[in-house]
Amino acid sequence: MALVWRAPGDDGMIGTASEYDIRYSTQTITALNWETATRFDDEPTPKLAGELETVTIRGLHSVTDYYFAMKSSDEVPNISSLSNCATGT
């Protein structure tokens, strides 16, 4: 499954985030079940704010609905709120 997004910044849309935390699940990911979603362990290094990011998650079961969400953080670390929840089969 390929995920594509625009990189967030360190401060809004300025600078570069330090880290991504990408997770997936067979259930819609919310703030309540974030911790139980499976963490993807090969996150890319964040690019400059606004640049296109992409990652491929392999090893998923075919004909299964998956939900994906992420958080980003800066060097402090200040952690973002939960992204939108994307889905794919």
PDB file of N, CA and C in Angstrom:
ATOM      1  N   MET A   1       0.851  -1.159   0.000  1.00  0.00           N
ATOM      2  CA  MET A   1       0.000   0.000   0.000  1.00  0.00           C
ATOM      3  C   MET A   1       0.902   1.228   0.000  1.00  0.00           C
ATOM      4  N   ALA A   2       0.675   2.144  -0.906  1.00  0.00           N
ATOM      5  CA  ALA A   2       1.470   3.371  -0.983  1.00  0.00           C
ATOM      6  C   ALA A   2       0.711   4.517  -0.317  1.00  0.00           C
ATOM      7  N   LEU A   3       1.369   5.218   0.574  1.00  0.00           N
ATOM      8  CA  LEU A   3       0.813   6.410   1.211  1.00  0.00           C
ATOM      9  C   LEU A   3       1.562   7.623   0.678  1.00  0.00           C
ATOM     10  N   VAL A   4       0.839   8.685   0.377  1.00  0.00           N
ATOM     11  CA  VAL A   4       1.431   9.914  -0.154  1.00  0.00           C
ATOM     12  C   VAL A   4       0.829  11.090   0.603  1.00  0.00           C
ATOM     13  N   TRP A   5       1.682  12.050   1.008  1.00  0.00           N
ATOM     14  CA  TRP A   5       1.216  13.240   1.715  1.00  0.00           C
ATOM     15  C   TRP A   5       2.223  14.367   1.548  1.00  0.00           C
ATOM     16  N   ARG A   6       1.813  15.559   1.957  1.00  0.00           N
ATOM     17  CA  ARG A   6       2.712  16.717   1.972  1.00  0.00           C
ATOM     18  C   ARG A   6       3.319  16.828   3.359  1.00  0.00           C
ATOM     19  N   ALA A   7       4.616  17.048   3.413  1.00  0.00           N
ATOM     20  CA  ALA A   7       5.326  17.124   4.686  1.00  0.00           C
ATOM     21  C   ALA A   7       4.859  18.329   5.502  1.00  0.00           C
ATOM     22  N   PRO A   8       4.607  18.115   6.802  1.00  0.00           N
ATOM     23  CA  PRO A   8       4.319  19.250   7.677  1.00  0.00           C
ATOM     24  C   PRO A   8       5.637  19.911   8.065  1.00  0.00           C
ATOM     25  N   GLY A   9       5.555  21.073   8.655  1.00  0.00           N
ATOM     26  CA  GLY A   9       6.766  21.746   9.113  1.00  0.00           C
ATOM     27  C   GLY A   9       7.032  21.499  10.583  1.00  0.00           C
ATOM     28  N   ASP A  10       8.081  22.111  11.070  1.00  0.00           N
ATOM     29  CA  ASP A  10       8.423  22.070  12.493  1.00  0.00           C
ATOM     30  C   ASP A  10       7.488  23.000  13.257  1.00  0.00           C
ATOM     31  N   ASP A  11       7.201  24.149  12.666  1.00  0.00           N
ATOM     32  CA  ASP A  11       6.285  25.142  13.239  1.00  0.00           C
ATOM     33  C   ASP A  11       5.241  25.463  12.185  1.00  0.00           C
ATOM     34  N   GLY A  12       4.153  24.714  12.214  1.00  0.00           N
ATOM     35  CA  GLY A  12       3.144  24.891  11.170  1.00  0.00           C
ATOM     36  C   GLY A  12       3.696  24.431   9.844  1.00  0.00           C
ATOM     37  N   MET A  13       3.679  25.297   8.850  1.00  0.00           N
ATOM     38  CA  MET A  13       4.205  24.937   7.532  1.00  0.00           C
ATOM     39  C   MET A  13       5.580  25.547   7.287  1.00  0.00           C
ATOM     40  N   ILE A  14       6.353  25.733   8.351  1.00  0.00           N
ATOM     41  CA  ILE A  14       7.707  26.266   8.249  1.00  0.00           C
ATOM     42  C   ILE A  14       8.679  25.250   8.829  1.00  0.00           C
ATOM     43  N   GLY A  15       9.811  25.048   8.175  1.00  0.00           N
ATOM     44  CA  GLY A  15      10.844  24.163   8.697  1.00  0.00           C
ATOM     45  C   GLY A  15      10.617  22.706   8.354  1.00  0.00           C
ATOM     46  N   THR A  16      11.193  21.847   9.175  1.00  0.00           N
ATOM     47  CA  THR A  16      11.139  20.409   8.929  1.00  0.00           C
ATOM     48  C   THR A  16      10.826  19.688  10.225  1.00  0.00           C
ATOM     49  N   ALA A  17       9.835  18.802  10.188  1.00  0.00           N
ATOM     50  CA  ALA A  17       9.529  17.966  11.349  1.00  0.00           C
ATOM     51  C   ALA A  17      10.725  17.047  11.615  1.00  0.00           C
ATOM     52  N   SER A  18      10.792  16.478  12.790  1.00  0.00           N
ATOM     53  CA  SER A  18      11.900  15.586  13.135  1.00  0.00           C
ATOM     54  C   SER A  18      11.586  14.123  12.896  1.00  0.00           C
ATOM     55  N   GLU A  19      10.318  13.753  13.033  1.00  0.00           N
ATOM     56  CA  GLU A  19       9.984  12.325  13.009  1.00  0.00           C
ATOM     57  C   GLU A  19       8.516  12.117  12.667  1.00  0.00           C
ATOM     58  N   TYR A  20       8.234  10.974  12.038  1.00  0.00           N
ATOM     59  CA  TYR A  20       6.857  10.538  11.791  1.00  0.00           C
ATOM     60  C   TYR A  20       6.577   9.292  12.615  1.00  0.00           C
ATOM     61  N   ASP A  21       5.325   9.123  12.979  1.00  0.00           N
ATOM     62  CA  ASP A  21       4.828   7.898  13.606  1.00  0.00           C
ATOM     63  C   ASP A  21       3.623   7.485  12.770  1.00  0.00           C
ATOM     64  N   ILE A  22       3.815   6.504  11.896  1.00  0.00           N
ATOM     65  CA  ILE A  22       2.775   6.032  10.987  1.00  0.00           C
ATOM     66  C   ILE A  22       2.231   4.719  11.534  1.00  0.00           C
ATOM     67  N   ARG A  23       0.902   4.612  11.583  1.00  0.00           N
ATOM     68  CA  ARG A  23       0.275   3.393  12.103  1.00  0.00           C
ATOM     69  C   ARG A  23      -0.842   2.940  11.177  1.00  0.00           C
ATOM     70  N   TYR A  24      -1.146   1.636  11.266  1.00  0.00           N
ATOM     71  CA  TYR A  24      -2.232   1.079  10.464  1.00  0.00           C
ATOM     72  C   TYR A  24      -3.017   0.070  11.270  1.00  0.00           C
ATOM     73  N   SER A  25      -4.250  -0.176  10.812  1.00  0.00           N
ATOM     74  CA  SER A  25      -5.156  -1.059  11.534  1.00  0.00           C
ATOM     75  C   SER A  25      -6.251  -1.516  10.573  1.00  0.00           C
ATOM     76  N   THR A  26      -6.976  -2.544  10.946  1.00  0.00           N
ATOM     77  CA  THR A  26      -8.142  -2.957  10.166  1.00  0.00           C
ATOM     78  C   THR A  26      -9.402  -2.259  10.677  1.00  0.00           C
ATOM     79  N   GLN A  27      -9.236  -1.345  11.621  1.00  0.00           N
ATOM     80  CA  GLN A  27     -10.326  -0.506  12.130  1.00  0.00           C
ATOM     81  C   GLN A  27      -9.948   0.951  11.928  1.00  0.00           C
ATOM     82  N   THR A  28     -10.943   1.815  11.790  1.00  0.00           N
ATOM     83  CA  THR A  28     -10.671   3.245  11.692  1.00  0.00           C
ATOM     84  C   THR A  28      -9.827   3.680  12.888  1.00  0.00           C
ATOM     85  N   ILE A  29      -8.763   4.419  12.637  1.00  0.00           N
ATOM     86  CA  ILE A  29      -7.865   4.860  13.709  1.00  0.00           C
ATOM     87  C   ILE A  29      -8.362   6.193  14.262  1.00  0.00           C
ATOM     88  N   THR A  30      -8.517   6.233  15.570  1.00  0.00           N
ATOM     89  CA  THR A  30      -8.949   7.441  16.267  1.00  0.00           C
ATOM     90  C   THR A  30      -7.975   7.713  17.409  1.00  0.00           C
ATOM     91  N   ALA A  31      -8.166   8.828  18.081  1.00  0.00           N
ATOM     92  CA  ALA A  31      -7.336   9.132  19.253  1.00  0.00           C
ATOM     93  C   ALA A  31      -7.514   8.077  20.336  1.00  0.00           C
ATOM     94  N   LEU A  32      -8.681   7.446  20.387  1.00  0.00           N
ATOM     95  CA  LEU A  32      -8.951   6.445  21.421  1.00  0.00           C
ATOM     96  C   LEU A  32      -8.238   5.110  21.180  1.00  0.00           C
ATOM     97  N   ASN A  33      -8.010   4.745  19.922  1.00  0.00           N
ATOM     98  CA  ASN A  33      -7.364   3.453  19.656  1.00  0.00           C
ATOM     99  C   ASN A  33      -5.986   3.592  19.005  1.00  0.00           C
ATOM    100  N   TRP A  34      -5.452   4.807  18.961  1.00  0.00           N
ATOM    101  CA  TRP A  34      -4.138   5.068  18.363  1.00  0.00           C
ATOM    102  C   TRP A  34      -3.067   4.120  18.894  1.00  0.00           C
ATOM    103  N   GLU A  35      -2.987   3.952  20.194  1.00  0.00           N
ATOM    104  CA  GLU A  35      -1.926   3.142  20.814  1.00  0.00           C
ATOM    105  C   GLU A  35      -2.001   1.667  20.423  1.00  0.00           C
ATOM    106  N   THR A  36      -3.180   1.178  20.037  1.00  0.00           N
ATOM    107  CA  THR A  36      -3.319  -0.243  19.687  1.00  0.00           C
ATOM    108  C   THR A  36      -3.116  -0.501  18.192  1.00  0.00           C
ATOM    109  N   ALA A  37      -3.038   0.547  17.386  1.00  0.00           N
ATOM    110  CA  ALA A  37      -2.773   0.384  15.952  1.00  0.00           C
ATOM    111  C   ALA A  37      -1.325  -0.075  15.765  1.00  0.00           C
ATOM    112  N   THR A  38      -1.079  -0.814  14.707  1.00  0.00           N
ATOM    113  CA  THR A  38       0.260  -1.339  14.418  1.00  0.00           C
ATOM    114  C   THR A  38       1.162  -0.220  13.914  1.00  0.00           C
ATOM    115  N   ARG A  39       2.321  -0.094  14.541  1.00  0.00           N
ATOM    116  CA  ARG A  39       3.274   0.941  14.124  1.00  0.00           C
ATOM    117  C   ARG A  39       4.106   0.437  12.951  1.00  0.00           C
ATOM    118  N   PHE A  40       4.223   1.277  11.929  1.00  0.00           N
ATOM    119  CA  PHE A  40       5.080   1.007  10.788  1.00  0.00           C
ATOM    120  C   PHE A  40       6.484   1.431  11.181  1.00  0.00           C
ATOM    121  N   ASP A  41       7.436   0.513  11.084  1.00  0.00           N
ATOM    122  CA  ASP A  41       8.773   0.763  11.631  1.00  0.00           C
ATOM    123  C   ASP A  41       9.789   1.315  10.647  1.00  0.00           C
ATOM    124  N   ASP A  42       9.364   1.677   9.452  1.00  0.00           N
ATOM    125  CA  ASP A  42      10.324   2.157   8.459  1.00  0.00           C
ATOM    126  C   ASP A  42       9.893   3.521   7.918  1.00  0.00           C
ATOM    127  N   GLU A  43       9.549   4.447   8.844  1.00  0.00           N
ATOM    128  CA  GLU A  43       9.107   5.767   8.435  1.00  0.00           C
ATOM    129  C   GLU A  43      10.229   6.521   7.733  1.00  0.00           C
ATOM    130  N   PRO A  44       9.867   7.322   6.726  1.00  0.00           N
ATOM    131  CA  PRO A  44      10.899   8.120   6.065  1.00  0.00           C
ATOM    132  C   PRO A  44      11.344   9.271   6.966  1.00  0.00           C
ATOM    133  N   THR A  45      12.514   9.798   6.691  1.00  0.00           N
ATOM    134  CA  THR A  45      12.975  11.012   7.359  1.00  0.00           C
ATOM    135  C   THR A  45      12.174  12.171   6.788  1.00  0.00           C
ATOM    136  N   PRO A  46      11.567  12.998   7.628  1.00  0.00           N
ATOM    137  CA  PRO A  46      10.740  14.092   7.111  1.00  0.00           C
ATOM    138  C   PRO A  46      11.510  15.042   6.192  1.00  0.00           C
ATOM    139  N   LYS A  47      10.807  15.471   5.163  1.00  0.00           N
ATOM    140  CA  LYS A  47      11.344  16.448   4.218  1.00  0.00           C
ATOM    141  C   LYS A  47      10.921  17.848   4.643  1.00  0.00           C
ATOM    142  N   LEU A  48      11.405  18.835   3.950  1.00  0.00           N
ATOM    143  CA  LEU A  48      11.059  20.227   4.192  1.00  0.00           C
ATOM    144  C   LEU A  48       9.551  20.418   4.028  1.00  0.00           C
ATOM    145  N   ALA A  49       8.955  21.259   4.849  1.00  0.00           N
ATOM    146  CA  ALA A  49       7.514  21.500   4.828  1.00  0.00           C
ATOM    147  C   ALA A  49       7.003  21.737   3.413  1.00  0.00           C
ATOM    148  N   GLY A  50       5.919  21.042   3.074  1.00  0.00           N
ATOM    149  CA  GLY A  50       5.282  21.200   1.769  1.00  0.00           C
ATOM    150  C   GLY A  50       5.755  20.239   0.710  1.00  0.00           C
ATOM    151  N   GLU A  51       6.893  19.574   0.935  1.00  0.00           N
ATOM    152  CA  GLU A  51       7.393  18.622  -0.064  1.00  0.00           C
ATOM    153  C   GLU A  51       6.572  17.339  -0.024  1.00  0.00           C
ATOM    154  N   LEU A  52       6.537  16.652  -1.160  1.00  0.00           N
ATOM    155  CA  LEU A  52       5.795  15.411  -1.286  1.00  0.00           C
ATOM    156  C   LEU A  52       6.530  14.274  -0.578  1.00  0.00           C
ATOM    157  N   GLU A  53       5.803  13.532   0.242  1.00  0.00           N
ATOM    158  CA  GLU A  53       6.344  12.361   0.949  1.00  0.00           C
ATOM    159  C   GLU A  53       5.620  11.127   0.441  1.00  0.00           C
ATOM    160  N   THR A  54       6.298  10.002   0.421  1.00  0.00           N
ATOM    161  CA  THR A  54       5.662   8.743   0.047  1.00  0.00           C
ATOM    162  C   THR A  54       6.327   7.596   0.786  1.00  0.00           C
ATOM    163  N   VAL A  55       5.535   6.611   1.114  1.00  0.00           N
ATOM    164  CA  VAL A  55       6.055   5.408   1.761  1.00  0.00           C
ATOM    165  C   VAL A  55       5.198   4.228   1.305  1.00  0.00           C
ATOM    166  N   THR A  56       5.822   3.076   1.170  1.00  0.00           N
ATOM    167  CA  THR A  56       5.098   1.861   0.797  1.00  0.00           C
ATOM    168  C   THR A  56       5.118   0.901   1.973  1.00  0.00           C
ATOM    169  N   ILE A  57       3.934   0.470   2.378  1.00  0.00           N
ATOM    170  CA  ILE A  57       3.803  -0.488   3.473  1.00  0.00           C
ATOM    171  C   ILE A  57       3.541  -1.848   2.853  1.00  0.00           C
ATOM    172  N   ARG A  58       4.457  -2.767   3.086  1.00  0.00           N
ATOM    173  CA  ARG A  58       4.388  -4.107   2.486  1.00  0.00           C
ATOM    174  C   ARG A  58       3.944  -5.139   3.519  1.00  0.00           C
ATOM    175  N   GLY A  59       3.572  -6.297   3.033  1.00  0.00           N
ATOM    176  CA  GLY A  59       3.231  -7.408   3.918  1.00  0.00           C
ATOM    177  C   GLY A  59       1.802  -7.396   4.424  1.00  0.00           C
ATOM    178  N   LEU A  60       0.956  -6.575   3.821  1.00  0.00           N
ATOM    179  CA  LEU A  60      -0.446  -6.525   4.229  1.00  0.00           C
ATOM    180  C   LEU A  60      -1.210  -7.645   3.531  1.00  0.00           C
ATOM    181  N   HIS A  61      -2.310  -8.057   4.111  1.00  0.00           N
ATOM    182  CA  HIS A  61      -3.144  -9.110   3.524  1.00  0.00           C
ATOM    183  C   HIS A  61      -3.969  -8.537   2.378  1.00  0.00           C
ATOM    184  N   SER A  62      -4.115  -9.311   1.311  1.00  0.00           N
ATOM    185  CA  SER A  62      -4.931  -8.856   0.192  1.00  0.00           C
ATOM    186  C   SER A  62      -6.410  -8.930   0.561  1.00  0.00           C
ATOM    187  N   VAL A  63      -7.216  -8.190  -0.137  1.00  0.00           N
ATOM    188  CA  VAL A  63      -8.670  -8.129   0.051  1.00  0.00           C
ATOM    189  C   VAL A  63      -9.030  -7.811   1.509  1.00  0.00           C
ATOM    190  N   THR A  64      -8.266  -6.940   2.113  1.00  0.00           N
ATOM    191  CA  THR A  64      -8.509  -6.495   3.493  1.00  0.00           C
ATOM    192  C   THR A  64      -8.487  -4.980   3.512  1.00  0.00           C
ATOM    193  N   ASP A  65      -9.474  -4.378   4.174  1.00  0.00           N
ATOM    194  CA  ASP A  65      -9.484  -2.932   4.331  1.00  0.00           C
ATOM    195  C   ASP A  65      -8.508  -2.541   5.433  1.00  0.00           C
ATOM    196  N   TYR A  66      -7.633  -1.594   5.130  1.00  0.00           N
ATOM    197  CA  TYR A  66      -6.691  -1.069   6.122  1.00  0.00           C
ATOM    198  C   TYR A  66      -6.906   0.425   6.274  1.00  0.00           C
ATOM    199  N   TYR A  67      -6.651   0.906   7.473  1.00  0.00           N
ATOM    200  CA  TYR A  67      -6.756   2.322   7.803  1.00  0.00           C
ATOM    201  C   TYR A  67      -5.379   2.799   8.245  1.00  0.00           C
ATOM    202  N   PHE A  68      -5.010   4.010   7.828  1.00  0.00           N
ATOM    203  CA  PHE A  68      -3.688   4.552   8.090  1.00  0.00           C
ATOM    204  C   PHE A  68      -3.812   5.953   8.678  1.00  0.00           C
ATOM    205  N   ALA A  69      -2.976   6.250   9.655  1.00  0.00           N
ATOM    206  CA  ALA A  69      -2.941   7.589  10.242  1.00  0.00           C
ATOM    207  C   ALA A  69      -1.517   7.847  10.716  1.00  0.00           C
ATOM    208  N   MET A  70      -1.220   9.093  10.986  1.00  0.00           N
ATOM    209  CA  MET A  70       0.127   9.421  11.434  1.00  0.00           C
ATOM    210  C   MET A  70       0.128  10.625  12.351  1.00  0.00           C
ATOM    211  N   LYS A  71       1.216  10.760  13.055  1.00  0.00           N
ATOM    212  CA  LYS A  71       1.527  11.950  13.836  1.00  0.00           C
ATOM    213  C   LYS A  71       2.953  12.332  13.471  1.00  0.00           C
ATOM    214  N   SER A  72       3.258  13.607  13.588  1.00  0.00           N
ATOM    215  CA  SER A  72       4.636  14.050  13.392  1.00  0.00           C
ATOM    216  C   SER A  72       5.086  14.744  14.669  1.00  0.00           C
ATOM    217  N   SER A  73       6.390  14.857  14.819  1.00  0.00           N
ATOM    218  CA  SER A  73       6.913  15.539  16.003  1.00  0.00           C
ATOM    219  C   SER A  73       8.143  16.348  15.617  1.00  0.00           C
ATOM    220  N   ASP A  74       8.469  17.306  16.489  1.00  0.00           N
ATOM    221  CA  ASP A  74       9.685  18.087  16.284  1.00  0.00           C
ATOM    222  C   ASP A  74      10.739  17.622  17.285  1.00  0.00           C
ATOM    223  N   GLU A  75      11.813  18.376  17.394  1.00  0.00           N
ATOM    224  CA  GLU A  75      12.950  17.952  18.219  1.00  0.00           C
ATOM    225  C   GLU A  75      12.684  18.010  19.717  1.00  0.00           C
ATOM    226  N   VAL A  76      11.620  18.682  20.182  1.00  0.00           N
ATOM    227  CA  VAL A  76      11.388  18.872  21.627  1.00  0.00           C
ATOM    228  C   VAL A  76      11.080  17.552  22.358  1.00  0.00           C
ATOM    229  N   PRO A  77      10.201  16.683  22.111  1.00  0.00           N
ATOM    230  CA  PRO A  77       9.319  16.589  20.957  1.00  0.00           C
ATOM    231  C   PRO A  77       7.902  17.104  21.254  1.00  0.00           C
ATOM    232  N   ASN A  78       7.462  18.054  20.452  1.00  0.00           N
ATOM    233  CA  ASN A  78       6.053  18.425  20.397  1.00  0.00           C
ATOM    234  C   ASN A  78       5.424  17.475  19.394  1.00  0.00           C
ATOM    235  N   ILE A  79       4.347  16.807  19.780  1.00  0.00           N
ATOM    236  CA  ILE A  79       3.707  15.806  18.917  1.00  0.00           C
ATOM    237  C   ILE A  79       2.435  16.394  18.347  1.00  0.00           C
ATOM    238  N   SER A  80       2.252  16.206  17.052  1.00  0.00           N
ATOM    239  CA  SER A  80       1.067  16.726  16.379  1.00  0.00           C
ATOM    240  C   SER A  80      -0.176  15.968  16.824  1.00  0.00           C
ATOM    241  N   SER A  81      -1.304  16.524  16.450  1.00  0.00           N
ATOM    242  CA  SER A  81      -2.545  15.776  16.631  1.00  0.00           C
ATOM    243  C   SER A  81      -2.602  14.707  15.545  1.00  0.00           C
ATOM    244  N   LEU A  82      -3.547  13.833  15.650  1.00  0.00           N
ATOM    245  CA  LEU A  82      -3.725  12.735  14.709  1.00  0.00           C
ATOM    246  C   LEU A  82      -4.122  13.258  13.329  1.00  0.00           C
ATOM    247  N   SER A  83      -3.508  12.724  12.295  1.00  0.00           N
ATOM    248  CA  SER A  83      -3.849  13.112  10.927  1.00  0.00           C
ATOM    249  C   SER A  83      -5.239  12.579  10.573  1.00  0.00           C
ATOM    250  N   ASN A  84      -5.665  12.884   9.364  1.00  0.00           N
ATOM    251  CA  ASN A  84      -6.863  12.236   8.867  1.00  0.00           C
ATOM    252  C   ASN A  84      -6.587  10.738   8.740  1.00  0.00           C
ATOM    253  N   CYS A  85      -7.606   9.944   8.691  1.00  0.00           N
ATOM    254  CA  CYS A  85      -7.458   8.495   8.596  1.00  0.00           C
ATOM    255  C   CYS A  85      -7.746   8.083   7.157  1.00  0.00           C
ATOM    256  N   ALA A  86      -6.707   7.666   6.448  1.00  0.00           N
ATOM    257  CA  ALA A  86      -6.857   7.210   5.061  1.00  0.00           C
ATOM    258  C   ALA A  86      -7.164   5.720   5.062  1.00  0.00           C
ATOM    259  N   THR A  87      -7.819   5.258   4.026  1.00  0.00           N
ATOM    260  CA  THR A  87      -8.148   3.838   3.940  1.00  0.00           C
ATOM    261  C   THR A  87      -7.817   3.305   2.558  1.00  0.00           C
ATOM    262  N   GLY A  88      -7.528   2.023   2.492  1.00  0.00           N
ATOM    263  CA  GLY A  88      -7.259   1.357   1.227  1.00  0.00           C
ATOM    264  C   GLY A  88      -7.402  -0.145   1.381  1.00  0.00           C
ATOM    265  N   THR A  89      -7.628  -0.818   0.257  1.00  0.00           N
ATOM    266  CA  THR A  89      -7.800  -2.270   0.256  1.00  0.00           C
ATOM    267  C   THR A  89      -6.726  -2.905  -0.592  1.00  0.00           C
TER     268      THR A  89
END
